[in-house]
Amino acid sequence: MNTNLTKNNLLHITTELYRNSIQRLPKTGQHLLGHQTEDLIVVYQAYNHRIADFAVEHQFLGGNHYSYSRMSWIKPNFLWMMYRCGWAEKENQERVLALWIQKTDLEKILGEAAISSFNPQYYQSHAQWMADLEQKEVRLQWDPDHDPYGNKLQRRAIQLGLKGKTLEDFGKHQIRKVQDVTDFVKQQKQLLDAGCLDELSVPFETVFKTSDAALNDRVGIE
């Protein structure tokens, strides 16, 4: 194993120093980056304590404080999640969960995705895009990725909004493991606040592509 990698027994996630990751990962383009095993990939969500407690205890999303009637966004890129939740310091995003799912299930979700804003690169007409939005239960957005301090990068990161039956399948059936990684997040934020960027660790992420080249092209995965 690369000696720069660390197996975190608490997280069951392999981590590496951030300074090593920026040498290894693509600096431009649209990429789905995620922590992966042979069959599984991690996606992240941030919730309040009540929702997170239920999810960790029961290993699925639910309970009295979780709603399946609204859209819920998943993010496979750790630092993109940190940007969105403010390193677990934003209100109602105080707990960060790593949700392990099968790569085949992520492919199914991507197959149901409509890109959230019209782009002639992916749609022949505005009407075709509107029809996709009405029919599909997944919204796909490509946004600028961010460094640990929240600065925009040239590389773009993906996030996926799920609703309806797709969200229920994800939250109740597709999640193989729910892990609370909040303590790890807080430890890294302390290093960041202390200016110790060289000591900052992040999950070891690699580029993910589906097994369907046409699907990769349709959703913009490079």
C-alpha atoms as a PDB file:
ATOM      1  CA  MET A   1       0.000   0.000   0.000  1.00  0.00           C
ATOM      2  CA  ASN A   2       1.111   3.554  -0.659  1.00  0.00           C
ATOM      3  CA  THR A   3       2.701   4.696   2.593  1.00  0.00           C
ATOM      4  CA  ASN A   4       1.019   8.074   2.192  1.00  0.00           C
ATOM      5  CA  LEU A   5      -2.368   6.417   2.742  1.00  0.00           C
ATOM      6  CA  THR A   6      -3.864   5.817   6.167  1.00  0.00           C
ATOM      7  CA  LYS A   7      -6.603   3.337   7.018  1.00  0.00           C
ATOM      8  CA  ASN A   8      -8.783   5.079   9.583  1.00  0.00           C
ATOM      9  CA  ASN A   9     -10.242   2.241  11.659  1.00  0.00           C
ATOM     10  CA  LEU A  10     -12.902   4.524  13.099  1.00  0.00           C
ATOM     11  CA  LEU A  11     -14.158   5.552   9.679  1.00  0.00           C
ATOM     12  CA  HIS A  12     -13.243   2.425   7.714  1.00  0.00           C
ATOM     13  CA  ILE A  13     -12.232   4.956   5.082  1.00  0.00           C
ATOM     14  CA  THR A  14      -8.740   5.269   3.647  1.00  0.00           C
ATOM     15  CA  THR A  15      -7.428   8.810   3.983  1.00  0.00           C
ATOM     16  CA  GLU A  16      -4.471  10.711   2.582  1.00  0.00           C
ATOM     17  CA  LEU A  17      -2.879  14.062   3.136  1.00  0.00           C
ATOM     18  CA  TYR A  18      -4.649  16.802   1.232  1.00  0.00           C
ATOM     19  CA  ARG A  19      -1.328  17.984  -0.228  1.00  0.00           C
ATOM     20  CA  ASN A  20      -0.895  14.556  -1.830  1.00  0.00           C
ATOM     21  CA  SER A  21      -4.423  14.498  -3.214  1.00  0.00           C
ATOM     22  CA  ILE A  22      -3.970  17.752  -5.137  1.00  0.00           C
ATOM     23  CA  GLN A  23      -0.943  16.274  -6.891  1.00  0.00           C
ATOM     24  CA  ARG A  24      -2.900  13.179  -7.905  1.00  0.00           C
ATOM     25  CA  LEU A  25      -6.392  14.373  -8.874  1.00  0.00           C
ATOM     26  CA  PRO A  26      -7.349  16.156 -12.123  1.00  0.00           C
ATOM     27  CA  LYS A  27      -7.195  19.934 -11.876  1.00  0.00           C
ATOM     28  CA  THR A  28      -9.739  20.746 -14.585  1.00  0.00           C
ATOM     29  CA  GLY A  29     -12.801  19.175 -16.193  1.00  0.00           C
ATOM     30  CA  GLN A  30     -16.033  17.665 -14.879  1.00  0.00           C
ATOM     31  CA  HIS A  31     -15.294  14.656 -12.692  1.00  0.00           C
ATOM     32  CA  LEU A  32     -17.234  12.494 -10.287  1.00  0.00           C
ATOM     33  CA  LEU A  33     -14.706  12.011  -7.487  1.00  0.00           C
ATOM     34  CA  GLY A  34     -15.462   9.649  -4.652  1.00  0.00           C
ATOM     35  CA  HIS A  35     -14.037   7.246  -2.090  1.00  0.00           C
ATOM     36  CA  GLN A  36     -14.425   3.798  -3.623  1.00  0.00           C
ATOM     37  CA  THR A  37     -13.944   0.105  -3.069  1.00  0.00           C
ATOM     38  CA  GLU A  38     -14.369  -2.470  -5.818  1.00  0.00           C
ATOM     39  CA  ASP A  39     -18.167  -2.454  -5.512  1.00  0.00           C
ATOM     40  CA  LEU A  40     -19.066   0.521  -3.299  1.00  0.00           C
ATOM     41  CA  ILE A  41     -18.781   4.289  -3.361  1.00  0.00           C
ATOM     42  CA  VAL A  42     -19.379   6.865  -0.625  1.00  0.00           C
ATOM     43  CA  VAL A  43     -21.746   9.811  -0.960  1.00  0.00           C
ATOM     44  CA  TYR A  44     -22.158  12.452   1.737  1.00  0.00           C
ATOM     45  CA  GLN A  45     -25.060  14.266   3.328  1.00  0.00           C
ATOM     46  CA  ALA A  46     -25.213  16.647   6.288  1.00  0.00           C
ATOM     47  CA  TYR A  47     -28.132  16.720   8.719  1.00  0.00           C
ATOM     48  CA  ASN A  48     -29.222  17.945  12.119  1.00  0.00           C
ATOM     49  CA  HIS A  49     -28.666  15.751  15.165  1.00  0.00           C
ATOM     50  CA  ARG A  50     -32.119  14.154  15.236  1.00  0.00           C
ATOM     51  CA  ILE A  51     -32.007  12.959  11.622  1.00  0.00           C
ATOM     52  CA  ALA A  52     -28.390  11.838  11.925  1.00  0.00           C
ATOM     53  CA  ASP A  53     -29.002   9.921  15.163  1.00  0.00           C
ATOM     54  CA  PHE A  54     -31.844   7.964  13.565  1.00  0.00           C
ATOM     55  CA  ALA A  55     -29.818   7.204  10.438  1.00  0.00           C
ATOM     56  CA  VAL A  56     -26.796   5.957  12.378  1.00  0.00           C
ATOM     57  CA  GLU A  57     -28.905   3.815  14.736  1.00  0.00           C
ATOM     58  CA  HIS A  58     -31.164   2.302  12.087  1.00  0.00           C
ATOM     59  CA  GLN A  59     -28.785   2.408   9.084  1.00  0.00           C
ATOM     60  CA  PHE A  60     -31.297   4.057   6.780  1.00  0.00           C
ATOM     61  CA  LEU A  61     -32.846   7.495   6.359  1.00  0.00           C
ATOM     62  CA  GLY A  62     -36.138   8.032   8.135  1.00  0.00           C
ATOM     63  CA  GLY A  63     -37.784   8.805  11.439  1.00  0.00           C
ATOM     64  CA  ASN A  64     -40.164  11.552  12.510  1.00  0.00           C
ATOM     65  CA  HIS A  65     -37.836  14.378  11.498  1.00  0.00           C
ATOM     66  CA  TYR A  66     -36.906  13.196   7.990  1.00  0.00           C
ATOM     67  CA  SER A  67     -39.133  14.033   5.018  1.00  0.00           C
ATOM     68  CA  TYR A  68     -39.343  11.987   1.834  1.00  0.00           C
ATOM     69  CA  SER A  69     -41.613  14.619   0.284  1.00  0.00           C
ATOM     70  CA  ARG A  70     -38.779  17.014  -0.568  1.00  0.00           C
ATOM     71  CA  MET A  71     -35.644  16.790  -2.700  1.00  0.00           C
ATOM     72  CA  SER A  72     -32.472  15.586  -0.982  1.00  0.00           C
ATOM     73  CA  TRP A  73     -28.959  16.174  -2.371  1.00  0.00           C
ATOM     74  CA  ILE A  74     -26.053  13.735  -2.258  1.00  0.00           C
ATOM     75  CA  LYS A  75     -22.424  14.638  -2.906  1.00  0.00           C
ATOM     76  CA  PRO A  76     -19.656  12.094  -3.558  1.00  0.00           C
ATOM     77  CA  ASN A  77     -16.810  14.610  -3.198  1.00  0.00           C
ATOM     78  CA  PHE A  78     -15.708  15.172   0.428  1.00  0.00           C
ATOM     79  CA  LEU A  79     -14.413  18.736   0.058  1.00  0.00           C
ATOM     80  CA  TRP A  80     -17.491  19.738  -1.934  1.00  0.00           C
ATOM     81  CA  MET A  81     -19.571  18.524   1.019  1.00  0.00           C
ATOM     82  CA  MET A  82     -17.336  20.474   3.397  1.00  0.00           C
ATOM     83  CA  TYR A  83     -17.927  23.625   1.356  1.00  0.00           C
ATOM     84  CA  ARG A  84     -21.692  23.140   1.417  1.00  0.00           C
ATOM     85  CA  CYS A  85     -21.982  22.319   5.133  1.00  0.00           C
ATOM     86  CA  GLY A  86     -19.239  24.683   6.336  1.00  0.00           C
ATOM     87  CA  TRP A  87     -17.268  21.820   7.849  1.00  0.00           C
ATOM     88  CA  ALA A  88     -20.351  20.776   9.869  1.00  0.00           C
ATOM     89  CA  GLU A  89     -20.827  24.271  11.292  1.00  0.00           C
ATOM     90  CA  LYS A  90     -23.925  25.400   9.358  1.00  0.00           C
ATOM     91  CA  GLU A  91     -27.324  25.199  11.039  1.00  0.00           C
ATOM     92  CA  ASN A  92     -29.071  21.850  10.517  1.00  0.00           C
ATOM     93  CA  GLN A  93     -25.888  20.480   8.917  1.00  0.00           C
ATOM     94  CA  GLU A  94     -23.967  19.800  12.116  1.00  0.00           C
ATOM     95  CA  ARG A  95     -23.555  16.076  11.405  1.00  0.00           C
ATOM     96  CA  VAL A  96     -21.879  14.703   8.302  1.00  0.00           C
ATOM     97  CA  LEU A  97     -22.812  11.187   7.201  1.00  0.00           C
ATOM     98  CA  ALA A  98     -20.882   8.974   4.811  1.00  0.00           C
ATOM     99  CA  LEU A  99     -23.396   6.778   3.015  1.00  0.00           C
ATOM    100  CA  TRP A 100     -21.988   3.708   1.285  1.00  0.00           C
ATOM    101  CA  ILE A 101     -23.919   2.534  -1.783  1.00  0.00           C
ATOM    102  CA  GLN A 102     -23.320   0.073  -4.582  1.00  0.00           C
ATOM    103  CA  LYS A 103     -21.719   1.595  -7.674  1.00  0.00           C
ATOM    104  CA  THR A 104     -24.458  -0.061  -9.705  1.00  0.00           C
ATOM    105  CA  ASP A 105     -27.054   1.880  -7.696  1.00  0.00           C
ATOM    106  CA  LEU A 106     -25.200   5.139  -8.341  1.00  0.00           C
ATOM    107  CA  GLU A 107     -25.306   4.302 -12.041  1.00  0.00           C
ATOM    108  CA  LYS A 108     -29.081   3.817 -11.782  1.00  0.00           C
ATOM    109  CA  ILE A 109     -29.411   7.220 -10.103  1.00  0.00           C
ATOM    110  CA  LEU A 110     -27.303   8.863 -12.812  1.00  0.00           C
ATOM    111  CA  GLY A 111     -29.450   7.160 -15.439  1.00  0.00           C
ATOM    112  CA  GLU A 112     -32.494   8.927 -13.986  1.00  0.00           C
ATOM    113  CA  ALA A 113     -30.815  12.335 -13.923  1.00  0.00           C
ATOM    114  CA  ALA A 114     -31.851  15.505 -15.701  1.00  0.00           C
ATOM    115  CA  ILE A 115     -29.299  18.306 -15.762  1.00  0.00           C
ATOM    116  CA  SER A 116     -30.678  21.134 -13.648  1.00  0.00           C
ATOM    117  CA  SER A 117     -30.079  23.950 -16.160  1.00  0.00           C
ATOM    118  CA  PHE A 118     -30.399  23.931 -19.942  1.00  0.00           C
ATOM    119  CA  ASN A 119     -27.188  23.258 -21.832  1.00  0.00           C
ATOM    120  CA  PRO A 120     -27.230  22.680 -25.623  1.00  0.00           C
ATOM    121  CA  GLN A 121     -24.250  20.371 -25.176  1.00  0.00           C
ATOM    122  CA  TYR A 122     -26.577  17.813 -23.577  1.00  0.00           C
ATOM    123  CA  TYR A 123     -30.014  18.666 -25.009  1.00  0.00           C
ATOM    124  CA  GLN A 124     -31.089  19.249 -28.592  1.00  0.00           C
ATOM    125  CA  SER A 125     -33.806  21.689 -27.552  1.00  0.00           C
ATOM    126  CA  HIS A 126     -35.142  23.577 -24.554  1.00  0.00           C
ATOM    127  CA  ALA A 127     -38.369  21.563 -24.879  1.00  0.00           C
ATOM    128  CA  GLN A 128     -36.450  18.282 -24.602  1.00  0.00           C
ATOM    129  CA  TRP A 129     -34.730  19.537 -21.468  1.00  0.00           C
ATOM    130  CA  MET A 130     -38.042  20.635 -19.932  1.00  0.00           C
ATOM    131  CA  ALA A 131     -39.561  17.231 -20.654  1.00  0.00           C
ATOM    132  CA  ASP A 132     -36.587  15.586 -18.952  1.00  0.00           C
ATOM    133  CA  LEU A 133     -37.044  17.787 -15.888  1.00  0.00           C
ATOM    134  CA  GLU A 134     -40.726  16.882 -15.635  1.00  0.00           C
ATOM    135  CA  GLN A 135     -40.247  13.151 -16.093  1.00  0.00           C
ATOM    136  CA  LYS A 136     -37.120  12.391 -14.083  1.00  0.00           C
ATOM    137  CA  GLU A 137     -36.699  12.259 -10.323  1.00  0.00           C
ATOM    138  CA  VAL A 138     -33.010  13.203 -10.182  1.00  0.00           C
ATOM    139  CA  ARG A 139     -31.436  16.637 -10.689  1.00  0.00           C
ATOM    140  CA  LEU A 140     -27.774  16.800 -11.644  1.00  0.00           C
ATOM    141  CA  GLN A 141     -25.631  19.890 -11.116  1.00  0.00           C
ATOM    142  CA  TRP A 142     -22.038  20.562 -12.081  1.00  0.00           C
ATOM    143  CA  ASP A 143     -20.591  23.301  -9.892  1.00  0.00           C
ATOM    144  CA  PRO A 144     -17.078  24.609  -9.251  1.00  0.00           C
ATOM    145  CA  ASP A 145     -15.219  22.370  -6.853  1.00  0.00           C
ATOM    146  CA  HIS A 146     -13.596  24.087  -3.856  1.00  0.00           C
ATOM    147  CA  ASP A 147     -10.401  23.844  -1.866  1.00  0.00           C
ATOM    148  CA  PRO A 148     -10.497  23.363   1.934  1.00  0.00           C
ATOM    149  CA  TYR A 149     -10.815  27.130   2.480  1.00  0.00           C
ATOM    150  CA  GLY A 150     -13.803  27.376   0.140  1.00  0.00           C
ATOM    151  CA  ASN A 151     -11.989  28.915  -2.826  1.00  0.00           C
ATOM    152  CA  LYS A 152     -13.292  27.904  -6.254  1.00  0.00           C
ATOM    153  CA  LEU A 153     -11.263  25.517  -8.401  1.00  0.00           C
ATOM    154  CA  GLN A 154     -11.247  25.094 -12.165  1.00  0.00           C
ATOM    155  CA  ARG A 155     -12.386  21.482 -11.744  1.00  0.00           C
ATOM    156  CA  ARG A 156     -16.131  20.965 -11.473  1.00  0.00           C
ATOM    157  CA  ALA A 157     -17.870  18.675  -8.982  1.00  0.00           C
ATOM    158  CA  ILE A 158     -21.183  16.871  -9.169  1.00  0.00           C
ATOM    159  CA  GLN A 159     -24.156  16.851  -6.825  1.00  0.00           C
ATOM    160  CA  LEU A 160     -27.380  14.917  -7.303  1.00  0.00           C
ATOM    161  CA  GLY A 161     -30.833  15.880  -6.051  1.00  0.00           C
ATOM    162  CA  LEU A 162     -33.185  12.948  -5.462  1.00  0.00           C
ATOM    163  CA  LYS A 163     -36.945  12.960  -4.979  1.00  0.00           C
ATOM    164  CA  GLY A 164     -39.953  10.655  -5.141  1.00  0.00           C
ATOM    165  CA  LYS A 165     -39.469   6.912  -5.501  1.00  0.00           C
ATOM    166  CA  THR A 166     -35.783   7.375  -6.370  1.00  0.00           C
ATOM    167  CA  LEU A 167     -35.183   9.068  -3.012  1.00  0.00           C
ATOM    168  CA  GLU A 168     -37.126   6.377  -1.152  1.00  0.00           C
ATOM    169  CA  ASP A 169     -35.170   3.618  -2.870  1.00  0.00           C
ATOM    170  CA  PHE A 170     -31.929   5.388  -1.958  1.00  0.00           C
ATOM    171  CA  GLY A 171     -32.789   6.207   1.636  1.00  0.00           C
ATOM    172  CA  LYS A 172     -34.505   2.951   2.573  1.00  0.00           C
ATOM    173  CA  HIS A 173     -32.945   0.259   0.375  1.00  0.00           C
ATOM    174  CA  GLN A 174     -29.746   1.298  -1.417  1.00  0.00           C
ATOM    175  CA  ILE A 175     -27.646   2.481   1.518  1.00  0.00           C
ATOM    176  CA  ARG A 176     -25.345  -0.347   2.595  1.00  0.00           C
ATOM    177  CA  LYS A 177     -23.757   1.485   5.506  1.00  0.00           C
ATOM    178  CA  VAL A 178     -24.285   4.782   7.358  1.00  0.00           C
ATOM    179  CA  GLN A 179     -21.209   6.240   9.051  1.00  0.00           C
ATOM    180  CA  ASP A 180     -21.059   9.389  11.118  1.00  0.00           C
ATOM    181  CA  VAL A 181     -17.813  11.108  10.104  1.00  0.00           C
ATOM    182  CA  THR A 182     -18.452  14.312  12.050  1.00  0.00           C
ATOM    183  CA  ASP A 183     -15.591  13.797  14.502  1.00  0.00           C
ATOM    184  CA  PHE A 184     -13.155  13.382  11.612  1.00  0.00           C
ATOM    185  CA  VAL A 185     -14.566  16.522   9.973  1.00  0.00           C
ATOM    186  CA  LYS A 186     -14.102  18.531  13.177  1.00  0.00           C
ATOM    187  CA  GLN A 187     -10.542  17.275  13.642  1.00  0.00           C
ATOM    188  CA  GLN A 188      -9.626  18.400  10.142  1.00  0.00           C
ATOM    189  CA  LYS A 189     -11.350  21.765  10.614  1.00  0.00           C
ATOM    190  CA  GLN A 190      -9.197  22.377  13.706  1.00  0.00           C
ATOM    191  CA  LEU A 191      -6.078  21.770  11.625  1.00  0.00           C
ATOM    192  CA  LEU A 192      -7.409  24.098   8.948  1.00  0.00           C
ATOM    193  CA  ASP A 193      -8.163  26.859  11.455  1.00  0.00           C
ATOM    194  CA  ALA A 194      -4.669  26.467  12.910  1.00  0.00           C
ATOM    195  CA  GLY A 195      -3.132  26.951   9.471  1.00  0.00           C
ATOM    196  CA  CYS A 196      -1.809  23.371   9.372  1.00  0.00           C
ATOM    197  CA  LEU A 197      -2.785  22.660   5.768  1.00  0.00           C
ATOM    198  CA  ASP A 198       0.141  20.255   5.330  1.00  0.00           C
ATOM    199  CA  GLU A 199      -1.367  18.052   8.053  1.00  0.00           C
ATOM    200  CA  LEU A 200      -4.934  18.098   6.685  1.00  0.00           C
ATOM    201  CA  SER A 201      -6.282  14.651   5.745  1.00  0.00           C
ATOM    202  CA  VAL A 202      -9.108  13.848   3.342  1.00  0.00           C
ATOM    203  CA  PRO A 203     -10.693  10.585   2.178  1.00  0.00           C
ATOM    204  CA  PHE A 204      -8.746   8.959  -0.664  1.00  0.00           C
ATOM    205  CA  GLU A 205     -10.856   9.668  -3.744  1.00  0.00           C
ATOM    206  CA  THR A 206     -10.576   8.538  -7.348  1.00  0.00           C
ATOM    207  CA  VAL A 207     -12.422   9.342 -10.548  1.00  0.00           C
ATOM    208  CA  PHE A 208     -15.615   7.356 -11.089  1.00  0.00           C
ATOM    209  CA  LYS A 209     -17.143   6.640 -14.488  1.00  0.00           C
ATOM    210  CA  THR A 210     -20.146   4.469 -15.197  1.00  0.00           C
ATOM    211  CA  SER A 211     -19.833   1.349 -17.334  1.00  0.00           C
ATOM    212  CA  ASP A 212     -22.040   3.056 -19.948  1.00  0.00           C
ATOM    213  CA  ALA A 213     -20.059   5.445 -22.142  1.00  0.00           C
ATOM    214  CA  ALA A 214     -23.239   6.968 -23.580  1.00  0.00           C
ATOM    215  CA  LEU A 215     -24.506   7.703 -20.066  1.00  0.00           C
ATOM    216  CA  ASN A 216     -21.204   9.337 -19.120  1.00  0.00           C
ATOM    217  CA  ASP A 217     -21.536  11.606 -22.151  1.00  0.00           C
ATOM    218  CA  ARG A 218     -25.196  12.381 -21.451  1.00  0.00           C
ATOM    219  CA  VAL A 219     -24.587  13.561 -17.874  1.00  0.00           C
ATOM    220  CA  GLY A 220     -21.276  15.266 -18.619  1.00  0.00           C
ATOM    221  CA  ILE A 221     -18.817  12.960 -16.863  1.00  0.00           C
ATOM    222  CA  GLU A 222     -15.400  13.446 -18.475  1.00  0.00           C
END
